Amino acid sequence: MTTLRTNQDLDPERLREVFGIFPSGVVAVAALVGGVPAGLAASSFTSVSLEPPLVSFSIANASKTWPDLRRAGHLGVTILADHHSTVARQLAGPVERRFDGLSLTATADGAVLLDDGLAHFDTSIYREVVAGDHTIVLLELHSARPAGHADPSPLVFHRSRFGRLHAG
């Protein structure tokens, strides 16, 4: 018989390990802030609603990037492809280098999209919900389009590592 753990066993390191069992996709969230691209990588992206069209991601309340990024009128969300593991790490690295060498497109409203992503969303903040040490950001969609790759395979974050889907 297995003994169930109690809430005293739910320390952050243990939770990160257990949460990491569930794989997720990875997106870039970016916008022009003061005329300069600002952004981050998020592995908590999900669809929320068709009417109104909403998606979400979660951001740590301690994020140094979110206070600037959230001032943007529009946010670009790019679904990263399986060849973007270096890009995802770069977007989590030093702020001044996050977009070095990346091919980007900015919309007229300031949403920034990575040109070779699998799909692009032009969004604006619909609502923010503080949830513990993170904030759930609900985004309203203004446009959504697949990039049209012949064999789109998303970047996957699993057990604190980046990987790819394997056809079964």
Protein backbone atom coordinates (compact mmCIF):
# COMPACT_ATOMS: atom_id res chain seq x y z
CA MET A 1 0.00 0.00 0.00
CA THR A 2 1.29 3.45 -0.96
CA THR A 3 1.18 6.26 1.57
CA LEU A 4 -0.36 9.47 0.29
CA ARG A 5 1.68 12.62 0.76
CA THR A 6 0.37 15.51 2.79
CA ASN A 7 0.37 19.20 1.94
CA GLN A 8 3.63 19.55 3.88
CA ASP A 9 5.25 17.57 1.03
CA LEU A 10 4.18 20.11 -1.60
CA ASP A 11 7.37 22.16 -1.65
CA PRO A 12 8.11 24.12 -4.87
CA GLU A 13 10.90 21.78 -6.05
CA ARG A 14 8.69 18.72 -5.64
CA LEU A 15 5.78 20.44 -7.38
CA ARG A 16 8.00 21.53 -10.30
CA GLU A 17 9.10 17.90 -10.70
CA VAL A 18 5.55 16.54 -10.64
CA PHE A 19 4.09 19.32 -12.82
CA GLY A 20 6.88 18.63 -15.32
CA ILE A 21 5.47 15.17 -16.02
CA PHE A 22 2.77 16.85 -18.12
CA PRO A 23 4.23 18.15 -21.41
CA SER A 24 3.25 21.54 -22.78
CA GLY A 25 3.87 23.59 -25.89
CA VAL A 26 5.99 26.72 -25.87
CA VAL A 27 5.12 30.18 -27.19
CA ALA A 28 6.85 33.51 -27.53
CA VAL A 29 4.86 36.48 -26.20
CA ALA A 30 6.25 39.75 -27.57
CA ALA A 31 5.46 43.37 -28.39
CA LEU A 32 7.10 46.67 -29.15
CA VAL A 33 7.56 48.61 -25.92
CA GLY A 34 8.94 52.08 -26.45
CA GLY A 35 9.75 51.05 -30.02
CA VAL A 36 11.92 48.13 -28.88
CA PRO A 37 10.91 44.43 -28.92
CA ALA A 38 10.21 43.00 -25.47
CA GLY A 39 9.12 39.47 -24.81
CA LEU A 40 9.39 36.14 -23.09
CA ALA A 41 8.86 32.41 -23.56
CA ALA A 42 5.88 30.75 -21.89
CA SER A 43 5.02 27.07 -21.55
CA SER A 44 1.58 27.62 -20.05
CA PHE A 45 -0.27 28.73 -23.19
CA THR A 46 -3.76 27.33 -23.75
CA SER A 47 -6.96 28.05 -25.61
CA VAL A 48 -9.76 29.29 -23.35
CA SER A 49 -12.85 30.38 -25.26
CA LEU A 50 -14.23 30.54 -28.80
CA GLU A 51 -16.80 33.26 -28.01
CA PRO A 52 -15.23 35.61 -27.25
CA PRO A 53 -11.98 34.23 -28.71
CA LEU A 54 -9.57 33.97 -25.75
CA VAL A 55 -6.27 32.29 -24.98
CA SER A 56 -4.15 32.42 -21.84
CA PHE A 57 -0.70 31.99 -20.40
CA SER A 58 0.68 32.30 -16.87
CA ILE A 59 3.55 34.51 -15.81
CA ALA A 60 5.48 34.54 -12.53
CA ASN A 61 4.62 37.55 -10.39
CA ALA A 62 8.38 38.06 -9.97
CA SER A 63 8.87 38.51 -13.75
CA LYS A 64 10.96 41.56 -14.61
CA THR A 65 9.67 41.55 -18.21
CA TRP A 66 5.90 41.40 -17.65
CA PRO A 67 5.53 44.89 -16.06
CA ASP A 68 6.92 46.42 -19.28
CA LEU A 69 5.29 44.01 -21.71
CA ARG A 70 1.83 44.42 -20.21
CA ARG A 71 1.86 48.13 -21.13
CA ALA A 72 1.78 47.26 -24.84
CA GLY A 73 -1.52 47.72 -26.64
CA HIS A 74 -1.17 44.44 -28.52
CA LEU A 75 0.86 41.32 -27.80
CA GLY A 76 2.06 38.87 -30.42
CA VAL A 77 1.97 35.19 -29.55
CA THR A 78 3.99 32.78 -31.69
CA ILE A 79 3.75 29.00 -31.31
CA LEU A 80 7.34 27.80 -31.43
CA ALA A 81 8.41 24.90 -33.65
CA ASP A 82 10.49 21.92 -32.55
CA HIS A 83 13.65 23.57 -33.93
CA HIS A 84 13.20 26.59 -31.61
CA SER A 85 14.73 25.22 -28.38
CA THR A 86 17.61 27.72 -28.66
CA VAL A 87 15.11 30.53 -29.31
CA ALA A 88 13.10 29.55 -26.21
CA ARG A 89 16.25 29.64 -24.08
CA GLN A 90 17.22 32.99 -25.64
CA LEU A 91 13.78 34.43 -24.80
CA ALA A 92 14.32 33.38 -21.19
CA GLY A 93 17.82 34.87 -21.08
CA PRO A 94 19.22 38.38 -20.75
CA VAL A 95 16.63 40.99 -21.75
CA GLU A 96 18.98 42.93 -24.01
CA ARG A 97 19.76 39.82 -26.11
CA ARG A 98 16.35 38.14 -26.36
CA PHE A 99 15.76 39.06 -30.00
CA ASP A 100 19.34 39.00 -31.33
CA GLY A 101 19.43 37.31 -34.72
CA LEU A 102 15.70 36.52 -34.82
CA SER A 103 13.56 37.35 -37.85
CA LEU A 104 10.59 39.33 -36.52
CA THR A 105 7.52 41.10 -37.85
CA ALA A 106 5.74 43.83 -35.91
CA THR A 107 2.08 44.59 -36.63
CA ALA A 108 0.80 48.14 -36.96
CA ASP A 109 -0.48 47.79 -33.37
CA GLY A 110 2.93 46.71 -32.03
CA ALA A 111 2.46 42.95 -31.66
CA VAL A 112 5.77 41.21 -32.40
CA LEU A 113 5.76 37.80 -34.13
CA LEU A 114 8.61 35.39 -34.88
CA ASP A 115 8.55 34.86 -38.64
CA ASP A 116 9.25 31.12 -38.62
CA GLY A 117 6.76 30.13 -35.90
CA LEU A 118 4.02 27.57 -36.43
CA ALA A 119 1.15 29.97 -35.78
CA HIS A 120 0.71 33.65 -34.99
CA PHE A 121 -1.83 35.40 -32.81
CA ASP A 122 -2.38 39.15 -32.48
CA THR A 123 -3.86 39.70 -29.02
CA SER A 124 -4.57 42.26 -26.33
CA ILE A 125 -4.97 41.79 -22.60
CA TYR A 126 -8.56 40.85 -21.72
CA ARG A 127 -8.04 40.27 -18.00
CA GLU A 128 -5.34 39.36 -15.48
CA VAL A 129 -6.06 37.03 -12.57
CA VAL A 130 -3.57 36.80 -9.73
CA ALA A 131 -3.24 33.13 -8.75
CA GLY A 132 -0.67 32.48 -6.05
CA ASP A 133 2.86 33.28 -7.21
CA HIS A 134 1.71 33.64 -10.84
CA THR A 135 -0.74 35.75 -12.81
CA ILE A 136 -3.02 34.14 -15.39
CA VAL A 137 -3.17 36.46 -18.38
CA LEU A 138 -6.28 36.14 -20.53
CA LEU A 139 -5.71 37.45 -24.04
CA GLU A 140 -8.38 38.42 -26.55
CA LEU A 141 -7.60 37.35 -30.12
CA HIS A 142 -7.70 39.91 -32.92
CA SER A 143 -6.23 37.56 -35.53
CA ALA A 144 -4.99 33.99 -35.66
CA ARG A 145 -3.27 32.22 -38.50
CA PRO A 146 -1.18 29.10 -39.04
CA ALA A 147 2.20 29.67 -40.63
CA GLY A 148 1.52 27.05 -43.31
CA HIS A 149 4.49 24.73 -42.71
CA ALA A 150 4.15 21.39 -44.48
CA ASP A 151 4.95 19.38 -41.34
CA PRO A 152 4.33 21.54 -38.29
CA SER A 153 5.78 20.02 -35.15
CA PRO A 154 5.66 22.14 -31.99
CA LEU A 155 8.38 22.63 -29.43
CA VAL A 156 7.47 20.68 -26.30
CA PHE A 157 8.55 21.43 -22.72
CA HIS A 158 8.67 18.26 -20.61
CA ARG A 159 10.54 17.49 -17.37
CA SER A 160 12.31 20.88 -17.56
CA ARG A 161 13.69 20.14 -21.03
CA PHE A 162 12.74 21.02 -24.58
CA GLY A 163 11.84 18.28 -27.02
CA ARG A 164 9.59 17.30 -29.89
CA LEU A 165 6.56 15.16 -30.52
CA HIS A 166 7.18 11.69 -31.90
CA ALA A 167 4.57 10.09 -34.13
CA GLY A 168 3.31 6.89 -32.58
